[in-house]
Amino acid sequence: MLEELIKLDKTLFLCLNNLGTPTWDFFWLTVTNKLSSIPLYVVLLFLSYRQLGLKKTFFLLVTVGIMIGVTDQLANFFKYGVQRLRPCHDSEVNTFLRLVKSYCGGKYGYFSAHAANSFAVATFFTNLLTSKYKYIGTFLLFWAAMVAYSRVYIGVHFPLDIITGTGIGLFLGWLFTKLYIFALQKFPI
């Protein structure tokens, strides 16, 4: 069963990855670049400040920093614990893939930290800001999905890496939202 799932995952990866064209490569490289999200983070910080005030926004920054740290460390734990090869290091697919970047990252790729972090951030801010900014959740989840898909497009993650990262990101975003709200209620600022 697991072997069939992995085979299906590799087939789906090659199908999705090979849909790419040089015309779209720059766009997806931009989407996948962490620095490209800085303007979005600045907007989220501003909206948080408008809704929450300075002290709660500072506490929010600390919470988000810890959330991203936990997500990254969990991704590293799984990458080195599971040791699933990235597509470019997997001899079954590496001759058929489109590697859009000049390198594909470390040897192991299960699960995608990009997908987990983007969905954790999207979930966290969706939960906090939706009451005042009606469509922010739709926008943030769309952004997170684009970041996640970009990892398959550029050839550095299999779809199961993305699906797992998405699930973990959604869970951690929800959990840290609950922790943030609980801490504010327990220790009002």
Protein backbone atom coordinates (compact mmCIF):
# COMPACT_ATOMS: atom_id res chain seq x y z
CA MET A 1 0.00 0.00 0.00
CA LEU A 2 2.74 2.49 0.97
CA GLU A 3 4.77 1.57 -2.12
CA GLU A 4 1.73 2.22 -4.34
CA LEU A 5 1.14 5.59 -2.67
CA ILE A 6 4.78 6.60 -3.19
CA LYS A 7 4.62 5.47 -6.83
CA LEU A 8 1.44 7.50 -7.35
CA ASP A 9 3.10 10.48 -5.65
CA LYS A 10 6.08 10.31 -8.00
CA THR A 11 3.83 9.99 -11.04
CA LEU A 12 1.74 12.97 -9.93
CA PHE A 13 4.92 14.95 -9.26
CA LEU A 14 6.25 14.34 -12.76
CA CYS A 15 2.89 15.22 -14.28
CA LEU A 16 2.58 18.52 -12.36
CA ASN A 17 6.25 19.44 -12.60
CA ASN A 18 6.38 18.88 -16.35
CA LEU A 19 3.37 21.14 -16.92
CA GLY A 20 5.76 24.03 -16.35
CA THR A 21 7.20 26.13 -19.14
CA PRO A 22 10.10 28.59 -19.26
CA THR A 23 7.51 31.37 -19.69
CA TRP A 24 6.22 30.78 -16.14
CA ASP A 25 9.51 29.85 -14.43
CA PHE A 26 10.34 33.37 -13.24
CA PHE A 27 6.86 33.80 -11.76
CA TRP A 28 7.04 30.57 -9.74
CA LEU A 29 10.63 31.26 -8.67
CA THR A 30 9.39 34.60 -7.34
CA VAL A 31 6.46 32.96 -5.52
CA THR A 32 8.73 30.39 -3.88
CA ASN A 33 11.34 32.95 -2.79
CA LYS A 34 10.91 33.72 0.92
CA LEU A 35 11.85 37.37 0.39
CA SER A 36 8.90 37.84 -1.98
CA SER A 37 6.52 37.47 0.98
CA ILE A 38 8.00 40.39 2.95
CA PRO A 39 5.47 42.93 1.58
CA LEU A 40 2.64 40.60 2.65
CA TYR A 41 4.15 40.28 6.13
CA VAL A 42 4.41 44.06 6.40
CA VAL A 43 0.72 44.41 5.47
CA LEU A 44 -0.25 41.72 8.01
CA LEU A 45 1.77 43.50 10.67
CA PHE A 46 0.07 46.80 9.86
CA LEU A 47 -3.42 45.25 9.89
CA SER A 48 -2.64 43.52 13.19
CA TYR A 49 -1.46 46.78 14.69
CA ARG A 50 -4.66 48.54 13.56
CA GLN A 51 -6.83 45.84 15.08
CA LEU A 52 -4.84 44.92 18.18
CA GLY A 53 -2.69 47.88 19.17
CA LEU A 54 1.05 48.03 19.81
CA LYS A 55 1.46 45.71 22.82
CA LYS A 56 -0.71 42.90 21.45
CA THR A 57 0.99 43.20 18.06
CA PHE A 58 4.41 42.88 19.69
CA PHE A 59 3.19 39.76 21.51
CA LEU A 60 1.79 38.54 18.18
CA LEU A 61 5.23 38.92 16.56
CA VAL A 62 6.79 36.84 19.33
CA THR A 63 4.08 34.19 18.92
CA VAL A 64 4.50 34.04 15.14
CA GLY A 65 8.29 33.82 15.54
CA ILE A 66 7.93 30.86 17.89
CA MET A 67 5.34 29.26 15.57
CA ILE A 68 7.69 29.50 12.58
CA GLY A 69 10.58 28.19 14.67
CA VAL A 70 8.50 25.19 15.79
CA THR A 71 7.35 24.54 12.22
CA ASP A 72 10.91 24.70 10.86
CA GLN A 73 12.32 22.44 13.55
CA LEU A 74 9.52 19.93 13.09
CA ALA A 75 10.21 19.93 9.34
CA ASN A 76 13.91 19.30 10.01
CA PHE A 77 13.05 16.51 12.46
CA PHE A 78 10.93 14.80 9.81
CA LYS A 79 13.39 15.41 6.97
CA TYR A 80 16.22 13.70 8.82
CA GLY A 81 13.97 11.18 10.57
CA VAL A 82 12.07 9.97 7.49
CA GLN A 83 14.93 10.64 5.05
CA ARG A 84 12.78 10.80 1.95
CA LEU A 85 14.87 11.98 -0.97
CA ARG A 86 13.99 15.18 -2.77
CA PRO A 87 13.03 14.64 -6.42
CA CYS A 88 16.42 15.75 -7.74
CA HIS A 89 18.17 13.17 -5.55
CA ASP A 90 15.70 10.38 -6.38
CA SER A 91 17.09 8.29 -9.26
CA GLU A 92 13.59 7.14 -10.27
CA VAL A 93 12.51 10.66 -11.24
CA ASN A 94 15.53 12.99 -11.41
CA THR A 95 16.18 12.42 -15.10
CA PHE A 96 12.57 13.31 -15.98
CA LEU A 97 11.95 16.37 -13.81
CA ARG A 98 12.20 20.07 -14.60
CA LEU A 99 14.53 21.50 -11.95
CA VAL A 100 13.88 25.21 -12.35
CA LYS A 101 16.41 26.36 -9.74
CA SER A 102 20.14 25.86 -10.05
CA TYR A 103 19.98 23.54 -7.01
CA CYS A 104 17.22 21.72 -5.19
CA GLY A 105 18.18 22.10 -1.54
CA GLY A 106 19.25 19.43 0.90
CA LYS A 107 19.16 15.72 0.24
CA TYR A 108 15.87 15.10 2.08
CA GLY A 109 12.53 16.81 1.62
CA TYR A 110 9.75 15.26 3.70
CA PHE A 111 7.85 17.47 4.54
CA SER A 112 7.90 20.90 2.91
CA ALA A 113 8.77 23.64 5.41
CA HIS A 114 7.66 26.23 2.83
CA ALA A 115 4.18 24.70 2.70
CA ALA A 116 4.00 24.28 6.48
CA ASN A 117 5.16 27.82 7.26
CA SER A 118 2.96 29.52 4.69
CA PHE A 119 -0.15 27.63 5.83
CA ALA A 120 0.69 28.21 9.50
CA VAL A 121 0.99 31.97 8.89
CA ALA A 122 -2.15 32.01 6.72
CA THR A 123 -4.18 30.12 9.32
CA PHE A 124 -2.92 32.21 12.23
CA PHE A 125 -3.70 35.56 10.62
CA THR A 126 -6.96 34.31 9.12
CA ASN A 127 -8.18 33.35 12.58
CA LEU A 128 -7.14 36.68 14.07
CA LEU A 129 -8.10 39.14 11.35
CA THR A 130 -11.16 37.71 9.59
CA SER A 131 -13.63 39.42 11.92
CA LYS A 132 -12.44 42.82 10.73
CA TYR A 133 -11.10 41.98 7.25
CA LYS A 134 -13.69 39.72 5.65
CA TYR A 135 -11.75 38.29 2.70
CA ILE A 136 -8.28 38.09 4.21
CA GLY A 137 -8.61 34.37 4.86
CA THR A 138 -9.41 33.60 1.23
CA PHE A 139 -6.45 35.68 0.09
CA LEU A 140 -4.02 34.18 2.63
CA LEU A 141 -5.01 30.58 1.93
CA PHE A 142 -4.68 31.23 -1.81
CA TRP A 143 -1.22 32.71 -1.22
CA ALA A 144 -0.20 29.71 0.92
CA ALA A 145 -1.46 27.29 -1.74
CA MET A 146 0.58 29.10 -4.39
CA VAL A 147 3.72 28.93 -2.26
CA ALA A 148 3.11 25.23 -1.64
CA TYR A 149 2.49 24.43 -5.32
CA SER A 150 5.57 26.41 -6.33
CA ARG A 151 7.70 23.78 -4.59
CA VAL A 152 6.41 21.08 -6.95
CA TYR A 153 6.61 23.40 -9.96
CA ILE A 154 10.29 24.21 -9.41
CA GLY A 155 11.06 20.52 -8.79
CA VAL A 156 12.12 20.39 -5.13
CA HIS A 157 9.20 18.56 -3.43
CA PHE A 158 6.81 15.73 -4.12
CA PRO A 159 3.05 16.36 -3.71
CA LEU A 160 2.92 14.29 -0.49
CA ASP A 161 5.62 16.56 0.96
CA ILE A 162 3.32 19.48 0.20
CA ILE A 163 0.15 17.81 1.49
CA THR A 164 1.84 16.84 4.76
CA GLY A 165 3.37 20.30 5.15
CA THR A 166 -0.02 21.87 4.48
CA GLY A 167 -1.71 19.74 7.13
CA ILE A 168 0.96 20.44 9.71
CA GLY A 169 0.88 24.15 8.89
CA LEU A 170 -2.91 24.30 9.25
CA PHE A 171 -2.70 22.51 12.60
CA LEU A 172 0.14 24.64 13.98
CA GLY A 173 -1.51 27.86 12.77
CA TRP A 174 -4.71 26.84 14.59
CA LEU A 175 -2.80 25.74 17.71
CA PHE A 176 -0.77 28.94 17.96
CA THR A 177 -3.88 31.04 17.42
CA LYS A 178 -5.46 29.27 20.40
CA LEU A 179 -2.29 29.73 22.48
CA TYR A 180 -2.08 33.42 21.56
CA ILE A 181 -5.73 34.06 22.53
CA PHE A 182 -5.37 32.00 25.71
CA ALA A 183 -2.24 33.90 26.75
CA LEU A 184 -3.94 37.26 26.12
CA GLN A 185 -6.91 36.19 28.24
CA LYS A 186 -4.71 34.82 31.03
CA PHE A 187 -2.26 37.75 31.01
CA PRO A 188 -4.11 40.80 29.63
CA ILE A 189 -1.89 43.43 28.07
